[in-house]
C-alpha atoms as a PDB file:
ATOM      1  CA  MET A   1     -36.973-177.135  11.173  1.00  0.00           C
ATOM      2  CA  ASN A   2     -38.090-177.224  14.739  1.00  0.00           C
ATOM      3  CA  GLU A   3     -35.009-175.228  15.731  1.00  0.00           C
ATOM      4  CA  VAL A   4     -35.505-172.617  12.993  1.00  0.00           C
ATOM      5  CA  LYS A   5     -38.644-171.181  14.606  1.00  0.00           C
ATOM      6  CA  PRO A   6     -37.047-170.621  18.027  1.00  0.00           C
ATOM      7  CA  ILE A   7     -33.944-169.067  16.392  1.00  0.00           C
ATOM      8  CA  SER A   8     -36.155-166.842  14.255  1.00  0.00           C
ATOM      9  CA  LYS A   9     -38.132-165.795  17.335  1.00  0.00           C
ATOM     10  CA  PHE A  10     -34.872-165.224  19.187  1.00  0.00           C
ATOM     11  CA  HIS A  11     -33.614-162.960  16.371  1.00  0.00           C
ATOM     12  CA  ASP A  12     -36.890-161.039  16.348  1.00  0.00           C
ATOM     13  CA  GLU A  13     -36.698-160.514  20.127  1.00  0.00           C
ATOM     14  CA  LEU A  14     -33.044-159.501  19.869  1.00  0.00           C
ATOM     15  CA  ARG A  15     -33.868-156.997  17.115  1.00  0.00           C
ATOM     16  CA  LYS A  16     -36.721-155.513  19.170  1.00  0.00           C
ATOM     17  CA  HIS A  17     -34.497-155.106  22.218  1.00  0.00           C
ATOM     18  CA  SER A  18     -31.703-153.691  20.092  1.00  0.00           C
ATOM     19  CA  ASP A  19     -34.054-151.130  18.536  1.00  0.00           C
ATOM     20  CA  ALA A  20     -35.439-150.216  21.953  1.00  0.00           C
ATOM     21  CA  ARG A  21     -31.897-149.813  23.294  1.00  0.00           C
ATOM     22  CA  LYS A  22     -30.959-147.552  20.371  1.00  0.00           C
ATOM     23  CA  LYS A  23     -34.057-145.421  20.938  1.00  0.00           C
ATOM     24  CA  ALA A  24     -33.310-145.201  24.662  1.00  0.00           C
ATOM     25  CA  GLU A  25     -29.695-144.213  23.979  1.00  0.00           C
ATOM     26  CA  GLN A  26     -30.835-141.561  21.508  1.00  0.00           C
ATOM     27  CA  GLU A  27     -33.303-140.182  24.043  1.00  0.00           C
ATOM     28  CA  ILE A  28     -30.558-140.106  26.686  1.00  0.00           C
ATOM     29  CA  LEU A  29     -28.282-138.188  24.305  1.00  0.00           C
ATOM     30  CA  ASP A  30     -31.096-135.731  23.531  1.00  0.00           C
ATOM     31  CA  ILE A  31     -31.733-135.199  27.240  1.00  0.00           C
ATOM     32  CA  ARG A  32     -28.013-134.653  27.876  1.00  0.00           C
ATOM     33  CA  LYS A  33     -27.905-132.104  25.067  1.00  0.00           C
ATOM     34  CA  GLU A  34     -30.936-130.280  26.474  1.00  0.00           C
ATOM     35  CA  LEU A  35     -29.384-130.301  29.968  1.00  0.00           C
ATOM     36  CA  LYS A  36     -26.154-128.895  28.565  1.00  0.00           C
ATOM     37  CA  ASP A  37     -28.115-126.117  26.820  1.00  0.00           C
ATOM     38  CA  VAL A  38     -30.023-125.360  30.021  1.00  0.00           C
ATOM     39  CA  LEU A  39     -26.763-125.285  31.971  1.00  0.00           C
ATOM     40  CA  LEU A  40     -25.212-122.853  29.495  1.00  0.00           C
ATOM     41  CA  VAL A  41     -28.247-120.581  29.697  1.00  0.00           C
ATOM     42  CA  HIS A  42     -28.162-120.870  33.501  1.00  0.00           C
ATOM     43  CA  HIS A  43     -24.515-119.819  33.669  1.00  0.00           C
ATOM     44  CA  ALA A  44     -25.070-116.984  31.204  1.00  0.00           C
ATOM     45  CA  THR A  45     -28.008-115.751  33.287  1.00  0.00           C
ATOM     46  CA  ILE A  46     -25.921-115.887  36.472  1.00  0.00           C
ATOM     47  CA  LYS A  47     -23.111-113.906  34.839  1.00  0.00           C
ATOM     48  CA  ASP A  48     -25.601-111.337  33.560  1.00  0.00           C
ATOM     49  CA  LEU A  49     -27.155-110.955  37.004  1.00  0.00           C
ATOM     50  CA  GLN A  50     -23.714-110.619  38.601  1.00  0.00           C
ATOM     51  CA  LYS A  51     -22.882-107.894  36.087  1.00  0.00           C
ATOM     52  CA  GLN A  52     -26.123-106.079  36.931  1.00  0.00           C
ATOM     53  CA  VAL A  53     -25.354-106.333  40.665  1.00  0.00           C
ATOM     54  CA  ARG A  54     -21.868-104.872  40.121  1.00  0.00           C
ATOM     55  CA  GLN A  55     -23.396-101.997  38.132  1.00  0.00           C
ATOM     56  CA  MET A  56     -25.937-101.346  40.875  1.00  0.00           C
ATOM     57  CA  HIS A  57     -23.184-101.353  43.522  1.00  0.00           C
ATOM     58  CA  ARG A  58     -21.237 -98.807  41.462  1.00  0.00           C
ATOM     59  CA  LYS A  59     -24.316 -96.604  41.101  1.00  0.00           C
ATOM     60  CA  ILE A  60     -25.046 -96.828  44.816  1.00  0.00           C
ATOM     61  CA  ALA A  61     -21.439 -95.970  45.639  1.00  0.00           C
ATOM     62  CA  THR A  62     -21.625 -92.982  43.284  1.00  0.00           C
ATOM     63  CA  ILE A  63     -24.851 -91.794  44.877  1.00  0.00           C
ATOM     64  CA  ASP A  64     -23.434 -92.244  48.387  1.00  0.00           C
ATOM     65  CA  SER A  65     -20.256 -90.351  47.548  1.00  0.00           C
ATOM     66  CA  SER A  66     -22.243 -87.525  45.943  1.00  0.00           C
ATOM     67  CA  ARG A  67     -24.442 -87.343  49.050  1.00  0.00           C
ATOM     68  CA  LYS A  68     -21.359 -87.150  51.266  1.00  0.00           C
ATOM     69  CA  THR A  69     -19.897 -84.439  49.042  1.00  0.00           C
ATOM     70  CA  THR A  70     -23.165 -82.514  49.175  1.00  0.00           C
ATOM     71  CA  LYS A  71     -23.273 -82.826  52.967  1.00  0.00           C
ATOM     72  CA  ILE A  72     -19.695 -81.589  53.239  1.00  0.00           C
ATOM     73  CA  LYS A  73     -20.429 -78.643  50.938  1.00  0.00           C
ATOM     74  CA  THR A  74     -23.587 -77.671  52.806  1.00  0.00           C
ATOM     75  CA  SER A  75     -21.910 -77.986  56.192  1.00  0.00           C
ATOM     76  CA  ALA A  76     -18.939 -75.978  54.888  1.00  0.00           C
ATOM     77  CA  LYS A  77     -21.316 -73.255  53.693  1.00  0.00           C
ATOM     78  CA  LYS A  78     -22.976 -73.166  57.104  1.00  0.00           C
ATOM     79  CA  ILE A  79     -19.618 -72.884  58.824  1.00  0.00           C
ATOM     80  CA  THR A  80     -18.429 -70.073  56.551  1.00  0.00           C
ATOM     81  CA  ARG A  81     -21.699 -68.215  57.051  1.00  0.00           C
ATOM     82  CA  ASN A  82     -21.378 -68.572  60.808  1.00  0.00           C
ATOM     83  CA  LYS A  83     -17.805 -67.329  60.688  1.00  0.00           C
ATOM     84  CA  LYS A  84     -18.828 -64.298  58.650  1.00  0.00           C
ATOM     85  CA  THR A  85     -21.541 -63.305  61.066  1.00  0.00           C
ATOM     86  CA  SER A  86     -19.461 -63.964  64.175  1.00  0.00           C
ATOM     87  CA  SER A  87     -16.352 -62.154  62.915  1.00  0.00           C
ATOM     88  CA  LYS A  88     -17.668 -58.682  63.605  1.00  0.00           C
ATOM     89  CA  LYS A  89     -15.239 -55.979  64.683  1.00  0.00           C
ATOM     90  CA  PRO A  90     -14.803 -55.879  68.431  1.00  0.00           C
ATOM     91  CA  ILE A  91     -16.297 -52.917  70.156  1.00  0.00           C
ATOM     92  CA  LYS A  92     -13.688 -50.565  71.556  1.00  0.00           C
ATOM     93  CA  LYS A  93     -13.870 -49.912  75.183  1.00  0.00           C
ATOM     94  CA  ILE A  94     -13.770 -46.330  76.222  1.00  0.00           C
ATOM     95  CA  GLY A  95     -10.353 -45.208  77.284  1.00  0.00           C
ATOM     96  CA  GLN A  96      -8.293 -47.720  75.263  1.00  0.00           C
ATOM     97  CA  LYS A  97      -5.768 -46.331  72.889  1.00  0.00           C
ATOM     98  CA  LYS A  98      -4.252 -47.896  69.848  1.00  0.00           C
ATOM     99  CA  GLY A  99      -0.739 -49.192  70.032  1.00  0.00           C
ATOM    100  CA  ARG A 100      -0.773 -49.569  73.793  1.00  0.00           C
ATOM    101  CA  LYS A 101      -0.029 -52.968  75.259  1.00  0.00           C
END
């Protein structure tokens, strides 16, 4: 009988530690699951931001190319206007005849 009490106490202690271990393991699994969810959201957010950056780069490239095209068109217009005004007929000098070289 004297040994029954210590064995009973030992079983009670073992059960307490076993229950505590199970709770700790369950909490660890829950934390791992939450971390996995956070990681998935993190990666999805990164991919979304990368997609937005690519779109912004495309828009910027489009704007830059349209600016360059506009600059070329405006400079071409200026050049053609200058050519029109500078391509006046030469003034004939007195005493020159046509067809003479």
